[in-house]
PDB file of all heavy atoms in Angstrom:
ATOM      1  N   LEU A   1      87.478   7.468  88.920  1.00  0.00           N
ATOM      2  CA  LEU A   1      88.020   8.724  89.428  1.00  0.00           C
ATOM      3  C   LEU A   1      89.542   8.656  89.493  1.00  0.00           C
ATOM      4  O   LEU A   1      90.245   9.544  88.990  1.00  0.00           O
ATOM      5  CB  LEU A   1      87.438   9.017  90.812  1.00  0.00           C
ATOM      6  CG  LEU A   1      87.908  10.307  91.482  1.00  0.00           C
ATOM      7  CD1 LEU A   1      87.389  11.527  90.736  1.00  0.00           C
ATOM      8  CD2 LEU A   1      87.448  10.343  92.945  1.00  0.00           C
ATOM      9  N   GLU A   2      90.068   7.610  90.101  1.00  0.00           N
ATOM     10  CA  GLU A   2      91.518   7.477  90.227  1.00  0.00           C
ATOM     11  C   GLU A   2      92.157   7.101  88.896  1.00  0.00           C
ATOM     12  O   GLU A   2      93.273   7.541  88.591  1.00  0.00           O
ATOM     13  CB  GLU A   2      91.887   6.459  91.304  1.00  0.00           C
ATOM     14  CG  GLU A   2      93.373   6.349  91.513  1.00  0.00           C
ATOM     15  CD  GLU A   2      93.777   6.163  92.967  1.00  0.00           C
ATOM     16  OE1 GLU A   2      93.005   6.552  93.865  1.00  0.00           O
ATOM     17  OE2 GLU A   2      94.875   5.666  93.199  1.00  0.00           O
ATOM     18  N   ALA A   3      91.471   6.304  88.091  1.00  0.00           N
ATOM     19  CA  ALA A   3      92.023   5.916  86.789  1.00  0.00           C
ATOM     20  C   ALA A   3      92.302   7.140  85.924  1.00  0.00           C
ATOM     21  O   ALA A   3      93.336   7.225  85.259  1.00  0.00           O
ATOM     22  CB  ALA A   3      91.078   4.961  86.074  1.00  0.00           C
ATOM     23  N   LYS A   4      91.371   8.099  85.919  1.00  0.00           N
ATOM     24  CA  LYS A   4      91.579   9.317  85.132  1.00  0.00           C
ATOM     25  C   LYS A   4      92.791  10.092  85.644  1.00  0.00           C
ATOM     26  O   LYS A   4      93.583  10.633  84.855  1.00  0.00           O
ATOM     27  CB  LYS A   4      90.330  10.198  85.207  1.00  0.00           C
ATOM     28  CG  LYS A   4      90.431  11.517  84.429  1.00  0.00           C
ATOM     29  CD  LYS A   4      90.612  11.287  82.948  1.00  0.00           C
ATOM     30  CE  LYS A   4      90.380  12.564  82.124  1.00  0.00           C
ATOM     31  NZ  LYS A   4      91.306  13.651  82.468  1.00  0.00           N
ATOM     32  N   LYS A   5      92.963  10.148  86.941  1.00  0.00           N
ATOM     33  CA  LYS A   5      94.130  10.822  87.504  1.00  0.00           C
ATOM     34  C   LYS A   5      95.423  10.104  87.105  1.00  0.00           C
ATOM     35  O   LYS A   5      96.448  10.752  86.849  1.00  0.00           O
ATOM     36  CB  LYS A   5      94.018  10.898  89.031  1.00  0.00           C
ATOM     37  CG  LYS A   5      92.870  11.761  89.532  1.00  0.00           C
ATOM     38  CD  LYS A   5      92.763  11.708  91.046  1.00  0.00           C
ATOM     39  CE  LYS A   5      91.588  12.530  91.552  1.00  0.00           C
ATOM     40  NZ  LYS A   5      91.442  12.457  93.033  1.00  0.00           N
ATOM     41  N   MET A   6      95.381   8.775  87.056  1.00  0.00           N
ATOM     42  CA  MET A   6      96.561   8.001  86.678  1.00  0.00           C
ATOM     43  C   MET A   6      96.938   8.253  85.220  1.00  0.00           C
ATOM     44  O   MET A   6      98.120   8.362  84.878  1.00  0.00           O
ATOM     45  CB  MET A   6      96.314   6.523  86.928  1.00  0.00           C
ATOM     46  CG  MET A   6      96.202   6.163  88.397  1.00  0.00           C
ATOM     47  SD  MET A   6      95.757   4.426  88.687  1.00  0.00           S
ATOM     48  CE  MET A   6      97.330   3.611  88.305  1.00  0.00           C
ATOM     49  N   VAL A   7      95.928   8.325  84.356  1.00  0.00           N
ATOM     50  CA  VAL A   7      96.198   8.642  82.951  1.00  0.00           C
ATOM     51  C   VAL A   7      96.895   9.987  82.844  1.00  0.00           C
ATOM     52  O   VAL A   7      97.925  10.133  82.166  1.00  0.00           O
ATOM     53  CB  VAL A   7      94.894   8.646  82.128  1.00  0.00           C
ATOM     54  CG1 VAL A   7      95.161   9.193  80.721  1.00  0.00           C
ATOM     55  CG2 VAL A   7      94.309   7.250  82.037  1.00  0.00           C
ATOM     56  N   ASP A   8      96.354  10.985  83.514  1.00  0.00           N
ATOM     57  CA  ASP A   8      96.910  12.338  83.427  1.00  0.00           C
ATOM     58  C   ASP A   8      98.332  12.398  84.002  1.00  0.00           C
ATOM     59  O   ASP A   8      99.218  13.040  83.428  1.00  0.00           O
ATOM     60  CB  ASP A   8      96.005  13.326  84.178  1.00  0.00           C
ATOM     61  CG  ASP A   8      94.649  13.495  83.512  1.00  0.00           C
ATOM     62  OD1 ASP A   8      94.517  13.145  82.321  1.00  0.00           O
ATOM     63  OD2 ASP A   8      93.707  13.953  84.197  1.00  0.00           O
ATOM     64  N   TYR A   9      98.554  11.713  85.108  1.00  0.00           N
ATOM     65  CA  TYR A   9      99.874  11.717  85.743  1.00  0.00           C
ATOM     66  C   TYR A   9     100.894  11.024  84.848  1.00  0.00           C
ATOM     67  O   TYR A   9     102.004  11.540  84.628  1.00  0.00           O
ATOM     68  CB  TYR A   9      99.799  11.021  87.103  1.00  0.00           C
ATOM     69  CG  TYR A   9     101.066  11.118  87.923  1.00  0.00           C
ATOM     70  CD1 TYR A   9     101.163  12.017  88.989  1.00  0.00           C
ATOM     71  CD2 TYR A   9     102.160  10.309  87.658  1.00  0.00           C
ATOM     72  CE1 TYR A   9     102.327  12.106  89.749  1.00  0.00           C
ATOM     73  CE2 TYR A   9     103.323  10.394  88.412  1.00  0.00           C
ATOM     74  CZ  TYR A   9     103.396  11.293  89.457  1.00  0.00           C
ATOM     75  OH  TYR A   9     104.537  11.385  90.208  1.00  0.00           O
ATOM     76  N   ALA A  10     100.540   9.848  84.341  1.00  0.00           N
ATOM     77  CA  ALA A  10     101.461   9.106  83.488  1.00  0.00           C
ATOM     78  C   ALA A  10     101.824   9.912  82.240  1.00  0.00           C
ATOM     79  O   ALA A  10     102.986   9.956  81.823  1.00  0.00           O
ATOM     80  CB  ALA A  10     100.850   7.764  83.100  1.00  0.00           C
ATOM     81  N   ARG A  11     100.827  10.544  81.642  1.00  0.00           N
ATOM     82  CA  ARG A  11     101.085  11.368  80.464  1.00  0.00           C
ATOM     83  C   ARG A  11     102.042  12.519  80.801  1.00  0.00           C
ATOM     84  O   ARG A  11     102.947  12.851  80.024  1.00  0.00           O
ATOM     85  CB  ARG A  11      99.780  11.931  79.918  1.00  0.00           C
ATOM     86  CG  ARG A  11      98.882  10.901  79.252  1.00  0.00           C
ATOM     87  CD  ARG A  11      99.582  10.267  78.097  1.00  0.00           C
ATOM     88  NE  ARG A  11      98.653   9.502  77.249  1.00  0.00           N
ATOM     89  CZ  ARG A  11      99.036   8.542  76.445  1.00  0.00           C
ATOM     90  NH1 ARG A  11     100.318   8.199  76.358  1.00  0.00           N
ATOM     91  NH2 ARG A  11      98.164   7.898  75.707  1.00  0.00           N
ATOM     92  N   ALA A  12     101.849  13.138  81.957  1.00  0.00           N
ATOM     93  CA  ALA A  12     102.719  14.235  82.366  1.00  0.00           C
ATOM     94  C   ALA A  12     104.157  13.775  82.562  1.00  0.00           C
ATOM     95  O   ALA A  12     105.104  14.551  82.384  1.00  0.00           O
ATOM     96  CB  ALA A  12     102.193  14.868  83.657  1.00  0.00           C
ATOM     97  N   GLU A  13     104.328  12.496  82.910  1.00  0.00           N
ATOM     98  CA  GLU A  13     105.660  11.928  83.107  1.00  0.00           C
ATOM     99  C   GLU A  13     106.231  11.329  81.822  1.00  0.00           C
ATOM    100  O   GLU A  13     107.312  10.734  81.834  1.00  0.00           O
ATOM    101  CB  GLU A  13     105.614  10.843  84.198  1.00  0.00           C
ATOM    102  CG  GLU A  13     105.302  11.361  85.585  1.00  0.00           C
ATOM    103  CD  GLU A  13     106.465  12.127  86.201  1.00  0.00           C
ATOM    104  OE1 GLU A  13     107.509  12.279  85.533  1.00  0.00           O
ATOM    105  OE2 GLU A  13     106.327  12.579  87.360  1.00  0.00           O
ATOM    106  N   GLY A  14     105.503  11.452  80.711  1.00  0.00           N
ATOM    107  CA  GLY A  14     105.994  10.937  79.442  1.00  0.00           C
ATOM    108  C   GLY A  14     105.866   9.440  79.282  1.00  0.00           C
ATOM    109  O   GLY A  14     106.549   8.835  78.442  1.00  0.00           O
ATOM    110  N   MET A  15     104.988   8.810  80.064  1.00  0.00           N
ATOM    111  CA  MET A  15     104.806   7.360  79.993  1.00  0.00           C
ATOM    112  C   MET A  15     103.628   7.015  79.088  1.00  0.00           C
ATOM    113  O   MET A  15     102.685   7.790  78.922  1.00  0.00           O
ATOM    114  CB  MET A  15     104.549   6.791  81.398  1.00  0.00           C
ATOM    115  CG  MET A  15     105.660   7.059  82.386  1.00  0.00           C
ATOM    116  SD  MET A  15     105.318   6.366  84.029  1.00  0.00           S
ATOM    117  CE  MET A  15     105.671   4.627  83.719  1.00  0.00           C
ATOM    118  N   LYS A  16     103.692   5.832  78.504  1.00  0.00           N
ATOM    119  CA  LYS A  16     102.572   5.319  77.728  1.00  0.00           C
ATOM    120  C   LYS A  16     101.523   4.763  78.686  1.00  0.00           C
ATOM    121  O   LYS A  16     101.821   4.452  79.845  1.00  0.00           O
ATOM    122  CB  LYS A  16     103.034   4.245  76.747  1.00  0.00           C
ATOM    123  CG  LYS A  16     103.908   4.784  75.617  1.00  0.00           C
ATOM    124  CD  LYS A  16     104.231   3.700  74.626  1.00  0.00           C
ATOM    125  CE  LYS A  16     105.054   4.238  73.475  1.00  0.00           C
ATOM    126  NZ  LYS A  16     104.300   5.214  72.651  1.00  0.00           N
ATOM    127  N   VAL A  17     100.305   4.611  78.172  1.00  0.00           N
ATOM    128  CA  VAL A  17      99.199   4.166  79.014  1.00  0.00           C
ATOM    129  C   VAL A  17      98.409   3.070  78.304  1.00  0.00           C
ATOM    130  O   VAL A  17      98.136   3.165  77.107  1.00  0.00           O
ATOM    131  CB  VAL A  17      98.251   5.330  79.369  1.00  0.00           C
ATOM    132  CG1 VAL A  17      97.090   4.831  80.237  1.00  0.00           C
ATOM    133  CG2 VAL A  17      99.007   6.447  80.087  1.00  0.00           C
ATOM    134  N   MET A  18      98.056   2.075  79.086  1.00  0.00           N
ATOM    135  CA  MET A  18      97.188   0.990  78.638  1.00  0.00           C
ATOM    136  C   MET A  18      96.012   0.923  79.611  1.00  0.00           C
ATOM    137  O   MET A  18      96.189   1.119  80.817  1.00  0.00           O
ATOM    138  CB  MET A  18      97.960  -0.331  78.650  1.00  0.00           C
ATOM    139  CG  MET A  18      97.185  -1.560  78.249  1.00  0.00           C
ATOM    140  SD  MET A  18      98.294  -3.018  78.300  1.00  0.00           S
ATOM    141  CE  MET A  18      97.221  -4.267  77.606  1.00  0.00           C
ATOM    142  N   ILE A  19      94.818   0.698  79.104  1.00  0.00           N
ATOM    143  CA  ILE A  19      93.668   0.497  79.980  1.00  0.00           C
ATOM    144  C   ILE A  19      93.249  -0.959  79.857  1.00  0.00           C
ATOM    145  O   ILE A  19      93.063  -1.474  78.763  1.00  0.00           O
ATOM    146  CB  ILE A  19      92.502   1.460  79.636  1.00  0.00           C
ATOM    147  CG1 ILE A  19      91.401   1.374  80.687  1.00  0.00           C
ATOM    148  CG2 ILE A  19      91.966   1.246  78.249  1.00  0.00           C
ATOM    149  CD1 ILE A  19      91.685   2.107  81.945  1.00  0.00           C
ATOM    150  N   GLY A  20      93.171  -1.643  80.993  1.00  0.00           N
ATOM    151  CA  GLY A  20      92.867  -3.069  80.988  1.00  0.00           C
ATOM    152  C   GLY A  20      91.654  -3.392  81.833  1.00  0.00           C
ATOM    153  O   GLY A  20      90.955  -2.499  82.333  1.00  0.00           O
ATOM    154  N   CYS A  21      91.412  -4.673  82.023  1.00  0.00           N
ATOM    155  CA  CYS A  21      90.252  -5.106  82.800  1.00  0.00           C
ATOM    156  C   CYS A  21      90.512  -6.492  83.363  1.00  0.00           C
ATOM    157  O   CYS A  21      91.488  -7.144  83.015  1.00  0.00           O
ATOM    158  CB  CYS A  21      88.988  -5.127  81.924  1.00  0.00           C
ATOM    159  SG  CYS A  21      89.041  -6.312  80.555  1.00  0.00           S
ATOM    160  N   MET A  22      89.632  -6.919  84.229  1.00  0.00           N
ATOM    161  CA  MET A  22      89.584  -8.299  84.692  1.00  0.00           C
ATOM    162  C   MET A  22      88.525  -9.009  83.840  1.00  0.00           C
ATOM    163  O   MET A  22      88.046  -8.470  82.846  1.00  0.00           O
ATOM    164  CB  MET A  22      89.213  -8.361  86.170  1.00  0.00           C
ATOM    165  CG  MET A  22      90.029  -7.459  87.066  1.00  0.00           C
ATOM    166  SD  MET A  22      91.796  -7.851  87.015  1.00  0.00           S
ATOM    167  CE  MET A  22      92.412  -6.728  88.268  1.00  0.00           C
ATOM    168  N   THR A  23      88.165 -10.227  84.242  1.00  0.00           N
ATOM    169  CA  THR A  23      86.957 -10.825  83.686  1.00  0.00           C
ATOM    170  C   THR A  23      85.783 -10.087  84.312  1.00  0.00           C
ATOM    171  O   THR A  23      85.583 -10.143  85.523  1.00  0.00           O
ATOM    172  CB  THR A  23      86.876 -12.318  84.028  1.00  0.00           C
ATOM    173  OG1 THR A  23      88.089 -12.956  83.635  1.00  0.00           O
ATOM    174  CG2 THR A  23      85.707 -12.970  83.302  1.00  0.00           C
ATOM    175  N   GLU A  24      85.019  -9.365  83.510  1.00  0.00           N
ATOM    176  CA  GLU A  24      83.972  -8.486  84.021  1.00  0.00           C
ATOM    177  C   GLU A  24      82.779  -8.484  83.075  1.00  0.00           C
ATOM    178  O   GLU A  24      82.889  -8.882  81.911  1.00  0.00           O
ATOM    179  CB  GLU A  24      84.517  -7.045  84.119  1.00  0.00           C
ATOM    180  CG  GLU A  24      85.714  -6.893  85.029  1.00  0.00           C
ATOM    181  CD  GLU A  24      86.496  -5.604  84.807  1.00  0.00           C
ATOM    182  OE1 GLU A  24      86.164  -4.857  83.861  1.00  0.00           O
ATOM    183  OE2 GLU A  24      87.435  -5.351  85.579  1.00  0.00           O
ATOM    184  N   THR A  25      81.654  -8.019  83.555  1.00  0.00           N
ATOM    185  CA  THR A  25      80.521  -7.793  82.663  1.00  0.00           C
ATOM    186  C   THR A  25      80.780  -6.506  81.874  1.00  0.00           C
ATOM    187  O   THR A  25      81.759  -5.794  82.106  1.00  0.00           O
ATOM    188  CB  THR A  25      79.198  -7.655  83.432  1.00  0.00           C
ATOM    189  OG1 THR A  25      79.201  -6.401  84.140  1.00  0.00           O
ATOM    190  CG2 THR A  25      78.993  -8.809  84.404  1.00  0.00           C
ATOM    191  N   SER A  26      79.867  -6.197  80.976  1.00  0.00           N
ATOM    192  CA  SER A  26      79.992  -4.961  80.201  1.00  0.00           C
ATOM    193  C   SER A  26      79.864  -3.720  81.073  1.00  0.00           C
ATOM    194  O   SER A  26      80.174  -2.609  80.612  1.00  0.00           O
ATOM    195  CB  SER A  26      78.934  -4.923  79.099  1.00  0.00           C
ATOM    196  OG  SER A  26      79.241  -5.847  78.081  1.00  0.00           O
ATOM    197  N   CYS A  27      79.437  -3.862  82.318  1.00  0.00           N
ATOM    198  CA  CYS A  27      79.353  -2.723  83.222  1.00  0.00           C
ATOM    199  C   CYS A  27      80.737  -2.139  83.479  1.00  0.00           C
ATOM    200  O   CYS A  27      81.014  -0.981  83.134  1.00  0.00           O
ATOM    201  CB  CYS A  27      78.691  -3.136  84.531  1.00  0.00           C
ATOM    202  SG  CYS A  27      78.643  -1.838  85.783  1.00  0.00           S
ATOM    203  N   ALA A  28      81.624  -2.914  84.087  1.00  0.00           N
ATOM    204  CA  ALA A  28      82.958  -2.406  84.416  1.00  0.00           C
ATOM    205  C   ALA A  28      83.803  -2.193  83.167  1.00  0.00           C
ATOM    206  O   ALA A  28      84.612  -1.261  83.120  1.00  0.00           O
ATOM    207  CB  ALA A  28      83.664  -3.364  85.368  1.00  0.00           C
ATOM    208  N   VAL A  29      83.639  -3.033  82.152  1.00  0.00           N
ATOM    209  CA  VAL A  29      84.399  -2.848  80.907  1.00  0.00           C
ATOM    210  C   VAL A  29      83.998  -1.534  80.241  1.00  0.00           C
ATOM    211  O   VAL A  29      84.845  -0.777  79.746  1.00  0.00           O
ATOM    212  CB  VAL A  29      84.198  -4.038  79.959  1.00  0.00           C
ATOM    213  CG1 VAL A  29      84.845  -3.757  78.604  1.00  0.00           C
ATOM    214  CG2 VAL A  29      84.786  -5.310  80.561  1.00  0.00           C
ATOM    215  N   SER A  30      82.711  -1.222  80.235  1.00  0.00           N
ATOM    216  CA  SER A  30      82.254   0.040  79.654  1.00  0.00           C
ATOM    217  C   SER A  30      82.736   1.238  80.461  1.00  0.00           C
ATOM    218  O   SER A  30      82.983   2.314  79.905  1.00  0.00           O
ATOM    219  CB  SER A  30      80.724   0.062  79.563  1.00  0.00           C
ATOM    220  OG  SER A  30      80.263  -0.947  78.682  1.00  0.00           O
ATOM    221  N   ALA A  31      82.872   1.052  81.773  1.00  0.00           N
ATOM    222  CA  ALA A  31      83.419   2.124  82.610  1.00  0.00           C
ATOM    223  C   ALA A  31      84.858   2.421  82.212  1.00  0.00           C
ATOM    224  O   ALA A  31      85.239   3.584  82.008  1.00  0.00           O
ATOM    225  CB  ALA A  31      83.329   1.735  84.083  1.00  0.00           C
ATOM    226  N   ALA A  32      85.670   1.385  82.083  1.00  0.00           N
ATOM    227  CA  ALA A  32      87.062   1.572  81.678  1.00  0.00           C
ATOM    228  C   ALA A  32      87.151   2.142  80.267  1.00  0.00           C
ATOM    229  O   ALA A  32      88.022   2.972  79.968  1.00  0.00           O
ATOM    230  CB  ALA A  32      87.809   0.239  81.761  1.00  0.00           C
ATOM    231  N   ALA A  33      86.232   1.717  79.407  1.00  0.00           N
ATOM    232  CA  ALA A  33      86.269   2.150  78.013  1.00  0.00           C
ATOM    233  C   ALA A  33      86.030   3.643  77.857  1.00  0.00           C
ATOM    234  O   ALA A  33      86.412   4.234  76.836  1.00  0.00           O
ATOM    235  CB  ALA A  33      85.238   1.378  77.196  1.00  0.00           C
ATOM    236  N   GLN A  34      85.413   4.291  78.852  1.00  0.00           N
ATOM    237  CA  GLN A  34      85.208   5.734  78.767  1.00  0.00           C
ATOM    238  C   GLN A  34      86.541   6.475  78.652  1.00  0.00           C
ATOM    239  O   GLN A  34      86.612   7.570  78.094  1.00  0.00           O
ATOM    240  CB  GLN A  34      84.432   6.243  79.990  1.00  0.00           C
ATOM    241  CG  GLN A  34      83.087   5.583  80.212  1.00  0.00           C
ATOM    242  CD  GLN A  34      82.113   5.781  79.065  1.00  0.00           C
ATOM    243  OE1 GLN A  34      81.942   6.898  78.572  1.00  0.00           O
ATOM    244  NE2 GLN A  34      81.479   4.703  78.635  1.00  0.00           N
ATOM    245  N   LEU A  35      87.617   5.855  79.167  1.00  0.00           N
ATOM    246  CA  LEU A  35      88.951   6.452  79.117  1.00  0.00           C
ATOM    247  C   LEU A  35      89.741   6.041  77.876  1.00  0.00           C
ATOM    248  O   LEU A  35      90.824   6.575  77.634  1.00  0.00           O
ATOM    249  CB  LEU A  35      89.753   6.043  80.361  1.00  0.00           C
ATOM    250  CG  LEU A  35      89.486   6.827  81.648  1.00  0.00           C
ATOM    251  CD1 LEU A  35      90.088   6.090  82.833  1.00  0.00           C
ATOM    252  CD2 LEU A  35      90.067   8.229  81.542  1.00  0.00           C
ATOM    253  N   SER A  36      89.231   5.103  77.115  1.00  0.00           N
ATOM    254  CA  SER A  36      90.020   4.504  76.046  1.00  0.00           C
ATOM    255  C   SER A  36      90.490   5.490  74.975  1.00  0.00           C
ATOM    256  O   SER A  36      91.570   5.275  74.403  1.00  0.00           O
ATOM    257  CB  SER A  36      89.263   3.335  75.413  1.00  0.00           C
ATOM    258  OG  SER A  36      88.081   3.763  74.761  1.00  0.00           O
ATOM    259  N   PRO A  37      89.757   6.579  74.669  1.00  0.00           N
ATOM    260  CA  PRO A  37      90.300   7.503  73.672  1.00  0.00           C
ATOM    261  C   PRO A  37      91.598   8.184  74.107  1.00  0.00           C
ATOM    262  O   PRO A  37      92.273   8.810  73.285  1.00  0.00           O
ATOM    263  CB  PRO A  37      89.177   8.534  73.503  1.00  0.00           C
ATOM    264  CG  PRO A  37      87.928   7.834  73.917  1.00  0.00           C
ATOM    265  CD  PRO A  37      88.372   6.951  75.045  1.00  0.00           C
ATOM    266  N   ALA A  38      91.960   8.073  75.390  1.00  0.00           N
ATOM    267  CA  ALA A  38      93.137   8.771  75.918  1.00  0.00           C
ATOM    268  C   ALA A  38      94.353   7.864  76.076  1.00  0.00           C
ATOM    269  O   ALA A  38      95.380   8.312  76.592  1.00  0.00           O
ATOM    270  CB  ALA A  38      92.797   9.406  77.267  1.00  0.00           C
ATOM    271  N   VAL A  39      94.264   6.590  75.622  1.00  0.00           N
ATOM    272  CA  VAL A  39      95.345   5.647  75.899  1.00  0.00           C
ATOM    273  C   VAL A  39      95.990   5.128  74.609  1.00  0.00           C
ATOM    274  O   VAL A  39      95.481   5.327  73.510  1.00  0.00           O
ATOM    275  CB  VAL A  39      94.850   4.461  76.749  1.00  0.00           C
ATOM    276  CG1 VAL A  39      94.164   4.954  78.015  1.00  0.00           C
ATOM    277  CG2 VAL A  39      93.918   3.546  75.959  1.00  0.00           C
ATOM    278  N   ASP A  40      97.126   4.425  74.794  1.00  0.00           N
ATOM    279  CA  ASP A  40      97.863   3.861  73.658  1.00  0.00           C
ATOM    280  C   ASP A  40      97.404   2.452  73.316  1.00  0.00           C
ATOM    281  O   ASP A  40      97.352   2.085  72.135  1.00  0.00           O
ATOM    282  CB  ASP A  40      99.356   3.833  73.991  1.00  0.00           C
ATOM    283  CG  ASP A  40      99.910   5.213  74.299  1.00  0.00           C
ATOM    284  OD1 ASP A  40     100.048   6.010  73.359  1.00  0.00           O
ATOM    285  OD2 ASP A  40     100.177   5.495  75.482  1.00  0.00           O
ATOM    286  N   PHE A  41      97.115   1.661  74.337  1.00  0.00           N
ATOM    287  CA  PHE A  41      96.658   0.287  74.153  1.00  0.00           C
ATOM    288  C   PHE A  41      95.418   0.056  75.006  1.00  0.00           C
ATOM    289  O   PHE A  41      95.301   0.608  76.104  1.00  0.00           O
ATOM    290  CB  PHE A  41      97.731  -0.731  74.570  1.00  0.00           C
ATOM    291  CG  PHE A  41      98.925  -0.804  73.667  1.00  0.00           C
ATOM    292  CD1 PHE A  41     100.049  -0.054  73.926  1.00  0.00           C
ATOM    293  CD2 PHE A  41      98.921  -1.642  72.551  1.00  0.00           C
ATOM    294  CE1 PHE A  41     101.166  -0.114  73.101  1.00  0.00           C
ATOM    295  CE2 PHE A  41     100.019  -1.714  71.718  1.00  0.00           C
ATOM    296  CZ  PHE A  41     101.145  -0.951  71.991  1.00  0.00           C
ATOM    297  N   ALA A  42      94.508  -0.777  74.507  1.00  0.00           N
ATOM    298  CA  ALA A  42      93.336  -1.174  75.290  1.00  0.00           C
ATOM    299  C   ALA A  42      93.246  -2.695  75.313  1.00  0.00           C
ATOM    300  O   ALA A  42      93.395  -3.354  74.277  1.00  0.00           O
ATOM    301  CB  ALA A  42      92.064  -0.589  74.688  1.00  0.00           C
ATOM    302  N   ASP A  43      93.019  -3.220  76.496  1.00  0.00           N
ATOM    303  CA  ASP A  43      92.778  -4.663  76.666  1.00  0.00           C
ATOM    304  C   ASP A  43      91.436  -4.790  77.373  1.00  0.00           C
ATOM    305  O   ASP A  43      91.365  -5.087  78.560  1.00  0.00           O
ATOM    306  CB  ASP A  43      93.914  -5.288  77.484  1.00  0.00           C
ATOM    307  CG  ASP A  43      93.690  -6.772  77.729  1.00  0.00           C
ATOM    308  OD1 ASP A  43      93.091  -7.432  76.861  1.00  0.00           O
ATOM    309  OD2 ASP A  43      94.122  -7.272  78.788  1.00  0.00           O
TER     310      ASP A  43
END
């Protein structure tokens, strides 16, 4: 919920966006990946 707001805010401010993760299972990584089409870099 907050990650999506951060993407939108950063874009409005003209900033680039990267979506990252910790060491996680495919559960949390797949959650972050839902936003990946909207970012510049993915880790």
